[in-house]
Amino acid sequence: MKQHVASLVRALAVLLLILPAPLAVLGAAAADAAPADVVAAEPAVEVPEAEGEEEEPPWTARFLAPAVVVIAVVTVGASLAYYVVRIRGRYRVVQ
Protein backbone atom coordinates (compact mmCIF):
# COMPACT_ATOMS: atom_id res chain seq x y z
CA MET A 1 0.00 0.00 0.00
CA LYS A 2 2.88 2.35 0.79
CA GLN A 3 4.30 1.78 -2.69
CA HIS A 4 1.02 2.82 -4.31
CA VAL A 5 0.92 6.03 -2.28
CA ALA A 6 4.56 6.77 -3.13
CA SER A 7 3.88 6.15 -6.82
CA LEU A 8 0.86 8.44 -6.69
CA VAL A 9 2.89 11.18 -5.04
CA ARG A 10 5.62 10.86 -7.68
CA ALA A 11 3.06 10.99 -10.49
CA LEU A 12 1.47 14.11 -9.03
CA ALA A 13 4.88 15.75 -8.61
CA VAL A 14 5.75 15.08 -12.26
CA LEU A 15 2.35 16.36 -13.36
CA LEU A 16 2.81 19.56 -11.37
CA LEU A 17 6.23 20.08 -12.94
CA ILE A 18 4.97 19.55 -16.51
CA LEU A 19 1.55 21.22 -16.33
CA PRO A 20 2.57 24.90 -15.84
CA ALA A 21 4.49 25.08 -19.12
CA PRO A 22 1.46 24.50 -21.45
CA LEU A 23 -0.71 26.75 -19.28
CA ALA A 24 1.87 29.56 -19.52
CA VAL A 25 1.94 29.23 -23.30
CA LEU A 26 -1.85 29.46 -23.50
CA GLY A 27 -1.87 32.60 -21.37
CA ALA A 28 0.95 34.23 -23.33
CA ALA A 29 -0.68 33.58 -26.72
CA ALA A 30 -3.63 35.84 -25.92
CA ALA A 31 -1.42 38.64 -24.56
CA ASP A 32 0.99 38.59 -27.53
CA ALA A 33 -1.72 38.86 -30.20
CA ALA A 34 -1.10 41.72 -32.64
CA PRO A 35 -3.72 44.49 -32.88
CA ALA A 36 -5.93 44.38 -35.98
CA ASP A 37 -5.02 47.91 -37.21
CA VAL A 38 -1.27 47.26 -37.72
CA VAL A 39 -0.16 48.03 -41.28
CA ALA A 40 2.41 45.71 -42.83
CA ALA A 41 5.80 47.40 -43.18
CA GLU A 42 7.38 47.65 -46.59
CA PRO A 43 11.12 47.25 -47.12
CA ALA A 44 13.17 50.44 -47.54
CA VAL A 45 15.13 49.06 -50.47
CA GLU A 46 13.94 46.30 -52.74
CA VAL A 47 16.67 43.87 -53.74
CA PRO A 48 16.08 42.08 -57.04
CA GLU A 49 16.30 38.32 -56.87
CA ALA A 50 19.35 36.92 -58.60
CA GLU A 51 18.23 34.67 -61.43
CA GLY A 52 20.33 31.98 -62.99
CA GLU A 53 22.61 31.40 -60.02
CA GLU A 54 22.67 27.73 -59.18
CA GLU A 55 23.42 26.76 -55.65
CA GLU A 56 26.33 24.44 -55.18
CA PRO A 57 25.31 21.23 -53.39
CA PRO A 58 26.60 20.92 -49.85
CA TRP A 59 29.94 19.22 -49.28
CA THR A 60 28.21 16.26 -47.66
CA ALA A 61 26.38 15.43 -50.86
CA ARG A 62 29.51 15.90 -52.95
CA PHE A 63 32.09 14.11 -50.83
CA LEU A 64 30.65 12.29 -47.85
CA ALA A 65 27.85 10.35 -49.55
CA PRO A 66 30.04 8.84 -52.31
CA ALA A 67 32.73 8.01 -49.75
CA VAL A 68 30.21 6.14 -47.60
CA VAL A 69 28.98 4.19 -50.64
CA VAL A 70 32.54 3.22 -51.62
CA ILE A 71 33.39 2.17 -48.06
CA ALA A 72 30.21 0.07 -47.88
CA VAL A 73 31.00 -1.69 -51.17
CA VAL A 74 34.59 -2.39 -50.08
CA THR A 75 33.37 -3.70 -46.71
CA VAL A 76 30.86 -6.08 -48.31
CA GLY A 77 33.49 -7.27 -50.80
CA ALA A 78 36.05 -7.84 -48.06
CA SER A 79 33.48 -9.74 -45.99
CA LEU A 80 32.67 -12.02 -48.92
CA ALA A 81 36.37 -12.61 -49.60
CA TYR A 82 36.97 -13.40 -45.92
CA TYR A 83 34.05 -15.86 -45.97
CA VAL A 84 35.31 -17.63 -49.09
CA VAL A 85 38.93 -17.85 -47.97
CA ARG A 86 38.72 -18.47 -44.21
CA ILE A 87 35.33 -19.96 -43.36
CA ARG A 88 34.25 -21.85 -46.48
CA GLY A 89 37.73 -23.21 -47.12
CA ARG A 90 37.92 -24.64 -43.60
CA TYR A 91 35.10 -27.12 -44.08
CA ARG A 92 34.73 -29.75 -46.78
CA VAL A 93 31.42 -31.22 -47.95
CA VAL A 94 31.56 -35.02 -47.75
CA GLN A 95 29.28 -36.93 -50.08
PDB file of N, CA and C in Angstrom:
ATOM      1  N   MET A   1       0.820  -1.187   0.000  1.00  0.00           N
ATOM      2  CA  MET A   1       0.000   0.000   0.000  1.00  0.00           C
ATOM      3  C   MET A   1       0.864   1.251   0.000  1.00  0.00           C
ATOM      4  N   LYS A   2       1.998   1.197   0.731  1.00  0.00           N
ATOM      5  CA  LYS A   2       2.879   2.353   0.786  1.00  0.00           C
ATOM      6  C   LYS A   2       3.490   2.649  -0.587  1.00  0.00           C
ATOM      7  N   GLN A   3       3.725   1.582  -1.353  1.00  0.00           N
ATOM      8  CA  GLN A   3       4.296   1.778  -2.690  1.00  0.00           C
ATOM      9  C   GLN A   3       3.313   2.487  -3.606  1.00  0.00           C
ATOM     10  N   HIS A   4       2.034   2.171  -3.479  1.00  0.00           N
ATOM     11  CA  HIS A   4       1.019   2.818  -4.308  1.00  0.00           C
ATOM     12  C   HIS A   4       0.923   4.304  -3.971  1.00  0.00           C
ATOM     13  N   VAL A   5       0.986   4.628  -2.701  1.00  0.00           N
ATOM     14  CA  VAL A   5       0.917   6.033  -2.282  1.00  0.00           C
ATOM     15  C   VAL A   5       2.154   6.768  -2.772  1.00  0.00           C
ATOM     16  N   ALA A   6       3.319   6.136  -2.656  1.00  0.00           N
ATOM     17  CA  ALA A   6       4.559   6.767  -3.125  1.00  0.00           C
ATOM     18  C   ALA A   6       4.515   6.983  -4.629  1.00  0.00           C
ATOM     19  N   SER A   7       4.001   6.009  -5.368  1.00  0.00           N
ATOM     20  CA  SER A   7       3.881   6.150  -6.817  1.00  0.00           C
ATOM     21  C   SER A   7       2.918   7.277  -7.177  1.00  0.00           C
ATOM     22  N   LEU A   8       1.830   7.378  -6.451  1.00  0.00           N
ATOM     23  CA  LEU A   8       0.857   8.438  -6.692  1.00  0.00           C
ATOM     24  C   LEU A   8       1.476   9.807  -6.423  1.00  0.00           C
ATOM     25  N   VAL A   9       2.235   9.911  -5.360  1.00  0.00           N
ATOM     26  CA  VAL A   9       2.888  11.184  -5.035  1.00  0.00           C
ATOM     27  C   VAL A   9       3.895  11.554  -6.117  1.00  0.00           C
ATOM     28  N   ARG A  10       4.668  10.582  -6.596  1.00  0.00           N
ATOM     29  CA  ARG A  10       5.620  10.857  -7.685  1.00  0.00           C
ATOM     30  C   ARG A  10       4.906  11.308  -8.956  1.00  0.00           C
ATOM     31  N   ALA A  11       3.813  10.628  -9.291  1.00  0.00           N
ATOM     32  CA  ALA A  11       3.059  10.993 -10.489  1.00  0.00           C
ATOM     33  C   ALA A  11       2.497  12.404 -10.376  1.00  0.00           C
ATOM     34  N   LEU A  12       1.989  12.756  -9.226  1.00  0.00           N
ATOM     35  CA  LEU A  12       1.472  14.113  -9.034  1.00  0.00           C
ATOM     36  C   LEU A  12       2.590  15.153  -9.105  1.00  0.00           C
ATOM     37  N   ALA A  13       3.762  14.822  -8.560  1.00  0.00           N
ATOM     38  CA  ALA A  13       4.884  15.754  -8.614  1.00  0.00           C
ATOM     39  C   ALA A  13       5.318  15.991 -10.055  1.00  0.00           C
ATOM     40  N   VAL A  14       5.384  14.936 -10.848  1.00  0.00           N
ATOM     41  CA  VAL A  14       5.751  15.081 -12.261  1.00  0.00           C
ATOM     42  C   VAL A  14       4.691  15.885 -12.998  1.00  0.00           C
ATOM     43  N   LEU A  15       3.438  15.622 -12.723  1.00  0.00           N
ATOM     44  CA  LEU A  15       2.351  16.361 -13.360  1.00  0.00           C
ATOM     45  C   LEU A  15       2.413  17.839 -13.014  1.00  0.00           C
ATOM     46  N   LEU A  16       2.711  18.161 -11.774  1.00  0.00           N
ATOM     47  CA  LEU A  16       2.808  19.563 -11.368  1.00  0.00           C
ATOM     48  C   LEU A  16       4.031  20.252 -11.974  1.00  0.00           C
ATOM     49  N   LEU A  17       5.062  19.494 -12.281  1.00  0.00           N
ATOM     50  CA  LEU A  17       6.230  20.084 -12.940  1.00  0.00           C
ATOM     51  C   LEU A  17       5.976  20.337 -14.416  1.00  0.00           C
ATOM     52  N   ILE A  18       5.202  19.455 -15.067  1.00  0.00           N
ATOM     53  CA  ILE A  18       4.974  19.551 -16.508  1.00  0.00           C
ATOM     54  C   ILE A  18       3.803  20.469 -16.846  1.00  0.00           C
ATOM     55  N   LEU A  19       2.782  20.506 -16.033  1.00  0.00           N
ATOM     56  CA  LEU A  19       1.550  21.224 -16.332  1.00  0.00           C
ATOM     57  C   LEU A  19       1.707  22.738 -16.476  1.00  0.00           C
ATOM     58  N   PRO A  20       2.508  23.447 -15.693  1.00  0.00           N
ATOM     59  CA  PRO A  20       2.569  24.899 -15.836  1.00  0.00           C
ATOM     60  C   PRO A  20       3.091  25.390 -17.190  1.00  0.00           C
ATOM     61  N   ALA A  21       3.933  24.634 -17.842  1.00  0.00           N
ATOM     62  CA  ALA A  21       4.486  25.081 -19.124  1.00  0.00           C
ATOM     63  C   ALA A  21       3.396  25.263 -20.188  1.00  0.00           C
ATOM     64  N   PRO A  22       2.526  24.271 -20.447  1.00  0.00           N
ATOM     65  CA  PRO A  22       1.463  24.498 -21.446  1.00  0.00           C
ATOM     66  C   PRO A  22       0.489  25.590 -21.027  1.00  0.00           C
ATOM     67  N   LEU A  23       0.205  25.706 -19.729  1.00  0.00           N
ATOM     68  CA  LEU A  23      -0.712  26.748 -19.280  1.00  0.00           C
ATOM     69  C   LEU A  23      -0.106  28.136 -19.485  1.00  0.00           C
ATOM     70  N   ALA A  24       1.212  28.281 -19.294  1.00  0.00           N
ATOM     71  CA  ALA A  24       1.867  29.565 -19.516  1.00  0.00           C
ATOM     72  C   ALA A  24       1.836  29.938 -20.989  1.00  0.00           C
ATOM     73  N   VAL A  25       1.983  28.952 -21.868  1.00  0.00           N
ATOM     74  CA  VAL A  25       1.936  29.229 -23.301  1.00  0.00           C
ATOM     75  C   VAL A  25       0.543  29.679 -23.710  1.00  0.00           C
ATOM     76  N   LEU A  26      -0.479  29.061 -23.161  1.00  0.00           N
ATOM     77  CA  LEU A  26      -1.845  29.463 -23.497  1.00  0.00           C
ATOM     78  C   LEU A  26      -2.136  30.881 -23.035  1.00  0.00           C
ATOM     79  N   GLY A  27      -1.650  31.255 -21.876  1.00  0.00           N
ATOM     80  CA  GLY A  27      -1.870  32.605 -21.371  1.00  0.00           C
ATOM     81  C   GLY A  27      -1.077  33.638 -22.142  1.00  0.00           C
ATOM     82  N   ALA A  28       0.110  33.293 -22.602  1.00  0.00           N
ATOM     83  CA  ALA A  28       0.955  34.230 -23.329  1.00  0.00           C
ATOM     84  C   ALA A  28       0.455  34.442 -24.756  1.00  0.00           C
ATOM     85  N   ALA A  29      -0.205  33.457 -25.340  1.00  0.00           N
ATOM     86  CA  ALA A  29      -0.679  33.580 -26.718  1.00  0.00           C
ATOM     87  C   ALA A  29      -1.723  34.686 -26.837  1.00  0.00           C
ATOM     88  N   ALA A  30      -2.600  34.808 -25.869  1.00  0.00           N
ATOM     89  CA  ALA A  30      -3.631  35.839 -25.920  1.00  0.00           C
ATOM     90  C   ALA A  30      -3.027  37.227 -25.695  1.00  0.00           C
ATOM     91  N   ALA A  31      -2.030  37.347 -24.863  1.00  0.00           N
ATOM     92  CA  ALA A  31      -1.421  38.639 -24.564  1.00  0.00           C
ATOM     93  C   ALA A  31      -0.525  39.123 -25.697  1.00  0.00           C
ATOM     94  N   ASP A  32       0.064  38.215 -26.463  1.00  0.00           N
ATOM     95  CA  ASP A  32       0.987  38.589 -27.532  1.00  0.00           C
ATOM     96  C   ASP A  32       0.299  38.811 -28.873  1.00  0.00           C
ATOM     97  N   ALA A  33      -1.007  38.707 -28.943  1.00  0.00           N
ATOM     98  CA  ALA A  33      -1.717  38.858 -30.204  1.00  0.00           C
ATOM     99  C   ALA A  33      -1.555  40.286 -30.725  1.00  0.00           C
ATOM    100  N   ALA A  34      -1.308  40.411 -32.026  1.00  0.00           N
ATOM    101  CA  ALA A  34      -1.098  41.724 -32.636  1.00  0.00           C
ATOM    102  C   ALA A  34      -2.443  42.427 -32.809  1.00  0.00           C
ATOM    103  N   PRO A  35      -2.470  43.750 -32.640  1.00  0.00           N
ATOM    104  CA  PRO A  35      -3.716  44.492 -32.881  1.00  0.00           C
ATOM    105  C   PRO A  35      -4.124  44.406 -34.346  1.00  0.00           C
ATOM    106  N   ALA A  36      -5.409  44.556 -34.625  1.00  0.00           N
ATOM    107  CA  ALA A  36      -5.929  44.379 -35.977  1.00  0.00           C
ATOM    108  C   ALA A  36      -5.565  45.541 -36.890  1.00  0.00           C
ATOM    109  N   ASP A  37      -5.246  46.742 -36.364  1.00  0.00           N
ATOM    110  CA  ASP A  37      -5.018  47.912 -37.214  1.00  0.00           C
ATOM    111  C   ASP A  37      -3.537  48.119 -37.569  1.00  0.00           C
ATOM    112  N   VAL A  38      -2.690  47.135 -37.394  1.00  0.00           N
ATOM    113  CA  VAL A  38      -1.272  47.262 -37.723  1.00  0.00           C
ATOM    114  C   VAL A  38      -1.102  47.105 -39.227  1.00  0.00           C
ATOM    115  N   VAL A  39      -0.404  48.060 -39.842  1.00  0.00           N
ATOM    116  CA  VAL A  39      -0.157  48.026 -41.284  1.00  0.00           C
ATOM    117  C   VAL A  39       1.168  47.308 -41.520  1.00  0.00           C
ATOM    118  N   ALA A  40       1.191  46.450 -42.526  1.00  0.00           N
ATOM    119  CA  ALA A  40       2.412  45.708 -42.827  1.00  0.00           C
ATOM    120  C   ALA A  40       3.486  46.672 -43.312  1.00  0.00           C
ATOM    121  N   ALA A  41       4.680  46.538 -42.801  1.00  0.00           N
ATOM    122  CA  ALA A  41       5.800  47.399 -43.177  1.00  0.00           C
ATOM    123  C   ALA A  41       6.366  46.959 -44.516  1.00  0.00           C
ATOM    124  N   GLU A  42       6.758  47.947 -45.306  1.00  0.00           N
ATOM    125  CA  GLU A  42       7.379  47.655 -46.595  1.00  0.00           C
ATOM    126  C   GLU A  42       8.877  47.848 -46.459  1.00  0.00           C
ATOM    127  N   PRO A  43       9.671  47.100 -47.211  1.00  0.00           N
ATOM    128  CA  PRO A  43      11.118  47.252 -47.115  1.00  0.00           C
ATOM    129  C   PRO A  43      11.565  48.606 -47.659  1.00  0.00           C
ATOM    130  N   ALA A  44      12.653  49.151 -47.099  1.00  0.00           N
ATOM    131  CA  ALA A  44      13.167  50.442 -47.536  1.00  0.00           C
ATOM    132  C   ALA A  44      13.787  50.335 -48.918  1.00  0.00           C
ATOM    133  N   VAL A  45      14.497  49.267 -49.175  1.00  0.00           N
ATOM    134  CA  VAL A  45      15.134  49.059 -50.471  1.00  0.00           C
ATOM    135  C   VAL A  45      14.761  47.671 -50.954  1.00  0.00           C
ATOM    136  N   GLU A  46      14.285  47.601 -52.176  1.00  0.00           N
ATOM    137  CA  GLU A  46      13.945  46.297 -52.745  1.00  0.00           C
ATOM    138  C   GLU A  46      15.164  45.744 -53.467  1.00  0.00           C
ATOM    139  N   VAL A  47      15.528  44.528 -53.117  1.00  0.00           N
ATOM    140  CA  VAL A  47      16.671  43.873 -53.738  1.00  0.00           C
ATOM    141  C   VAL A  47      16.141  42.881 -54.755  1.00  0.00           C
ATOM    142  N   PRO A  48      16.570  43.024 -56.023  1.00  0.00           N
ATOM    143  CA  PRO A  48      16.079  42.079 -57.037  1.00  0.00           C
ATOM    144  C   PRO A  48      16.659  40.680 -56.778  1.00  0.00           C
ATOM    145  N   GLU A  49      15.849  39.691 -57.058  1.00  0.00           N
ATOM    146  CA  GLU A  49      16.302  38.319 -56.866  1.00  0.00           C
ATOM    147  C   GLU A  49      17.254  37.951 -57.987  1.00  0.00           C
ATOM    148  N   ALA A  50      18.349  37.335 -57.617  1.00  0.00           N
ATOM    149  CA  ALA A  50      19.346  36.922 -58.604  1.00  0.00           C
ATOM    150  C   ALA A  50      18.845  35.685 -59.317  1.00  0.00           C
ATOM    151  N   GLU A  51      18.714  35.800 -60.635  1.00  0.00           N
ATOM    152  CA  GLU A  51      18.229  34.671 -61.428  1.00  0.00           C
ATOM    153  C   GLU A  51      19.414  33.996 -62.107  1.00  0.00           C
ATOM    154  N   GLY A  52      19.316  32.716 -62.273  1.00  0.00           N
ATOM    155  CA  GLY A  52      20.335  31.983 -62.994  1.00  0.00           C
ATOM    156  C   GLY A  52      21.473  31.484 -62.118  1.00  0.00           C
ATOM    157  N   GLU A  53      21.549  31.904 -60.887  1.00  0.00           N
ATOM    158  CA  GLU A  53      22.607  31.403 -60.021  1.00  0.00           C
ATOM    159  C   GLU A  53      22.179  30.064 -59.440  1.00  0.00           C
ATOM    160  N   GLU A  54      22.968  29.046 -59.720  1.00  0.00           N
ATOM    161  CA  GLU A  54      22.672  27.729 -59.182  1.00  0.00           C
ATOM    162  C   GLU A  54      23.447  27.535 -57.892  1.00  0.00           C
ATOM    163  N   GLU A  55      22.759  27.013 -56.913  1.00  0.00           N
ATOM    164  CA  GLU A  55      23.421  26.760 -55.645  1.00  0.00           C
ATOM    165  C   GLU A  55      24.267  25.509 -55.758  1.00  0.00           C
ATOM    166  N   GLU A  56      25.446  25.592 -55.191  1.00  0.00           N
ATOM    167  CA  GLU A  56      26.327  24.437 -55.176  1.00  0.00           C
ATOM    168  C   GLU A  56      25.829  23.472 -54.106  1.00  0.00           C
ATOM    169  N   PRO A  57      25.776  22.174 -54.410  1.00  0.00           N
ATOM    170  CA  PRO A  57      25.308  21.233 -53.391  1.00  0.00           C
ATOM    171  C   PRO A  57      26.255  21.231 -52.196  1.00  0.00           C
ATOM    172  N   PRO A  58      25.752  20.914 -51.034  1.00  0.00           N
ATOM    173  CA  PRO A  58      26.604  20.923 -49.845  1.00  0.00           C
ATOM    174  C   PRO A  58      27.723  19.884 -49.958  1.00  0.00           C
ATOM    175  N   TRP A  59      28.780  20.101 -49.189  1.00  0.00           N
ATOM    176  CA  TRP A  59      29.938  19.217 -49.279  1.00  0.00           C
ATOM    177  C   TRP A  59      29.595  17.788 -48.887  1.00  0.00           C
ATOM    178  N   THR A  60      28.564  17.620 -48.061  1.00  0.00           N
ATOM    179  CA  THR A  60      28.208  16.262 -47.660  1.00  0.00           C
ATOM    180  C   THR A  60      27.671  15.471 -48.841  1.00  0.00           C
ATOM    181  N   ALA A  61      26.925  16.126 -49.693  1.00  0.00           N
ATOM    182  CA  ALA A  61      26.384  15.434 -50.864  1.00  0.00           C
ATOM    183  C   ALA A  61      27.472  15.179 -51.902  1.00  0.00           C
ATOM    184  N   ARG A  62      28.460  16.063 -51.952  1.00  0.00           N
ATOM    185  CA  ARG A  62      29.512  15.904 -52.954  1.00  0.00           C
ATOM    186  C   ARG A  62      30.598  14.930 -52.541  1.00  0.00           C
ATOM    187  N   PHE A  63      30.942  14.903 -51.259  1.00  0.00           N
ATOM    188  CA  PHE A  63      32.088  14.113 -50.831  1.00  0.00           C
ATOM    189  C   PHE A  63      31.733  12.981 -49.874  1.00  0.00           C
ATOM    190  N   LEU A  64      30.911  13.263 -48.890  1.00  0.00           N
ATOM    191  CA  LEU A  64      30.654  12.288 -47.847  1.00  0.00           C
ATOM    192  C   LEU A  64      29.785  11.127 -48.336  1.00  0.00           C
ATOM    193  N   ALA A  65      28.737  11.405 -49.077  1.00  0.00           N
ATOM    194  CA  ALA A  65      27.847  10.346 -49.549  1.00  0.00           C
ATOM    195  C   ALA A  65      28.566   9.366 -50.478  1.00  0.00           C
ATOM    196  N   PRO A  66      29.313   9.814 -51.480  1.00  0.00           N
ATOM    197  CA  PRO A  66      30.044   8.845 -52.310  1.00  0.00           C
ATOM    198  C   PRO A  66      31.088   8.059 -51.527  1.00  0.00           C
ATOM    199  N   ALA A  67      31.735   8.708 -50.557  1.00  0.00           N
ATOM    200  CA  ALA A  67      32.731   8.007 -49.754  1.00  0.00           C
ATOM    201  C   ALA A  67      32.086   6.904 -48.932  1.00  0.00           C
ATOM    202  N   VAL A  68      30.908   7.163 -48.383  1.00  0.00           N
ATOM    203  CA  VAL A  68      30.205   6.142 -47.601  1.00  0.00           C
ATOM    204  C   VAL A  68      29.799   4.974 -48.498  1.00  0.00           C
ATOM    205  N   VAL A  69      29.361   5.259 -49.710  1.00  0.00           N
ATOM    206  CA  VAL A  69      28.978   4.193 -50.640  1.00  0.00           C
ATOM    207  C   VAL A  69      30.189   3.343 -50.991  1.00  0.00           C
ATOM    208  N   VAL A  70      31.323   3.963 -51.275  1.00  0.00           N
ATOM    209  CA  VAL A  70      32.540   3.223 -51.619  1.00  0.00           C
ATOM    210  C   VAL A  70      33.000   2.373 -50.442  1.00  0.00           C
ATOM    211  N   ILE A  71      32.983   2.933 -49.242  1.00  0.00           N
ATOM    212  CA  ILE A  71      33.393   2.175 -48.058  1.00  0.00           C
ATOM    213  C   ILE A  71      32.458   0.988 -47.834  1.00  0.00           C
ATOM    214  N   ALA A  72      31.167   1.166 -48.049  1.00  0.00           N
ATOM    215  CA  ALA A  72      30.212   0.069 -47.879  1.00  0.00           C
ATOM    216  C   ALA A  72      30.470  -1.040 -48.889  1.00  0.00           C
ATOM    217  N   VAL A  73      30.726  -0.680 -50.145  1.00  0.00           N
ATOM    218  CA  VAL A  73      30.999  -1.686 -51.175  1.00  0.00           C
ATOM    219  C   VAL A  73      32.284  -2.446 -50.852  1.00  0.00           C
ATOM    220  N   VAL A  74      33.325  -1.736 -50.426  1.00  0.00           N
ATOM    221  CA  VAL A  74      34.587  -2.386 -50.076  1.00  0.00           C
ATOM    222  C   VAL A  74      34.399  -3.307 -48.877  1.00  0.00           C
ATOM    223  N   THR A  75      33.611  -2.881 -47.899  1.00  0.00           N
ATOM    224  CA  THR A  75      33.367  -3.700 -46.715  1.00  0.00           C
ATOM    225  C   THR A  75      32.630  -4.986 -47.075  1.00  0.00           C
ATOM    226  N   VAL A  76      31.605  -4.878 -47.902  1.00  0.00           N
ATOM    227  CA  VAL A  76      30.860  -6.078 -48.311  1.00  0.00           C
ATOM    228  C   VAL A  76      31.771  -7.003 -49.122  1.00  0.00           C
ATOM    229  N   GLY A  77      32.569  -6.447 -50.016  1.00  0.00           N
ATOM    230  CA  GLY A  77      33.493  -7.265 -50.805  1.00  0.00           C
ATOM    231  C   GLY A  77      34.527  -7.960 -49.932  1.00  0.00           C
ATOM    232  N   ALA A  78      35.066  -7.244 -48.963  1.00  0.00           N
ATOM    233  CA  ALA A  78      36.052  -7.844 -48.058  1.00  0.00           C
ATOM    234  C   ALA A  78      35.412  -8.929 -47.200  1.00  0.00           C
ATOM    235  N   SER A  79      34.173  -8.718 -46.779  1.00  0.00           N
ATOM    236  CA  SER A  79      33.478  -9.743 -45.989  1.00  0.00           C
ATOM    237  C   SER A  79      33.255 -11.009 -46.810  1.00  0.00           C
ATOM    238  N   LEU A  80      32.861 -10.855 -48.054  1.00  0.00           N
ATOM    239  CA  LEU A  80      32.673 -12.018 -48.920  1.00  0.00           C
ATOM    240  C   LEU A  80      34.000 -12.744 -49.157  1.00  0.00           C
ATOM    241  N   ALA A  81      35.057 -11.994 -49.395  1.00  0.00           N
ATOM    242  CA  ALA A  81      36.366 -12.607 -49.604  1.00  0.00           C
ATOM    243  C   ALA A  81      36.814 -13.344 -48.346  1.00  0.00           C
ATOM    244  N   TYR A  82      36.613 -12.756 -47.189  1.00  0.00           N
ATOM    245  CA  TYR A  82      36.966 -13.401 -45.919  1.00  0.00           C
ATOM    246  C   TYR A  82      36.177 -14.692 -45.745  1.00  0.00           C
ATOM    247  N   TYR A  83      34.886 -14.663 -46.087  1.00  0.00           N
ATOM    248  CA  TYR A  83      34.052 -15.857 -45.966  1.00  0.00           C
ATOM    249  C   TYR A  83      34.567 -16.963 -46.877  1.00  0.00           C
ATOM    250  N   VAL A  84      34.872 -16.622 -48.126  1.00  0.00           N
ATOM    251  CA  VAL A  84      35.306 -17.630 -49.091  1.00  0.00           C
ATOM    252  C   VAL A  84      36.658 -18.213 -48.680  1.00  0.00           C
ATOM    253  N   VAL A  85      37.569 -17.385 -48.261  1.00  0.00           N
ATOM    254  CA  VAL A  85      38.927 -17.848 -47.968  1.00  0.00           C
ATOM    255  C   VAL A  85      39.010 -18.540 -46.614  1.00  0.00           C
ATOM    256  N   ARG A  86      38.491 -17.950 -45.564  1.00  0.00           N
ATOM    257  CA  ARG A  86      38.718 -18.466 -44.208  1.00  0.00           C
ATOM    258  C   ARG A  86      37.648 -19.455 -43.742  1.00  0.00           C
ATOM    259  N   ILE A  87      36.406 -19.140 -43.921  1.00  0.00           N
ATOM    260  CA  ILE A  87      35.334 -19.963 -43.359  1.00  0.00           C
ATOM    261  C   ILE A  87      34.975 -21.118 -44.295  1.00  0.00           C
ATOM    262  N   ARG A  88      34.688 -20.822 -45.535  1.00  0.00           N
ATOM    263  CA  ARG A  88      34.246 -21.845 -46.476  1.00  0.00           C
ATOM    264  C   ARG A  88      35.371 -22.833 -46.778  1.00  0.00           C
ATOM    265  N   GLY A  89      36.593 -22.327 -46.844  1.00  0.00           N
ATOM    266  CA  GLY A  89      37.727 -23.207 -47.117  1.00  0.00           C
ATOM    267  C   GLY A  89      38.063 -24.117 -45.957  1.00  0.00           C
ATOM    268  N   ARG A  90      37.615 -23.832 -44.780  1.00  0.00           N
ATOM    269  CA  ARG A  90      37.923 -24.638 -43.597  1.00  0.00           C
ATOM    270  C   ARG A  90      37.142 -25.956 -43.581  1.00  0.00           C
ATOM    271  N   TYR A  91      35.949 -25.938 -44.136  1.00  0.00           N
ATOM    272  CA  TYR A  91      35.097 -27.117 -44.082  1.00  0.00           C
ATOM    273  C   TYR A  91      34.938 -27.720 -45.472  1.00  0.00           C
ATOM    274  N   ARG A  92      34.907 -29.044 -45.525  1.00  0.00           N
ATOM    275  CA  ARG A  92      34.732 -29.752 -46.780  1.00  0.00           C
ATOM    276  C   ARG A  92      33.385 -30.498 -46.744  1.00  0.00           C
ATOM    277  N   VAL A  93      32.684 -30.497 -47.858  1.00  0.00           N
ATOM    278  CA  VAL A  93      31.423 -31.217 -47.953  1.00  0.00           C
ATOM    279  C   VAL A  93      31.746 -32.650 -48.326  1.00  0.00           C
ATOM    280  N   VAL A  94      31.299 -33.605 -47.500  1.00  0.00           N
ATOM    281  CA  VAL A  94      31.557 -35.016 -47.745  1.00  0.00           C
ATOM    282  C   VAL A  94      30.287 -35.629 -48.324  1.00  0.00           C
ATOM    283  N   GLN A  95      30.464 -36.306 -49.440  1.00  0.00           N
ATOM    284  CA  GLN A  95      29.281 -36.926 -50.080  1.00  0.00           C
ATOM    285  C   GLN A  95      29.382 -38.416 -50.063  1.00  0.00           C
TER     286      GLN A  95
END
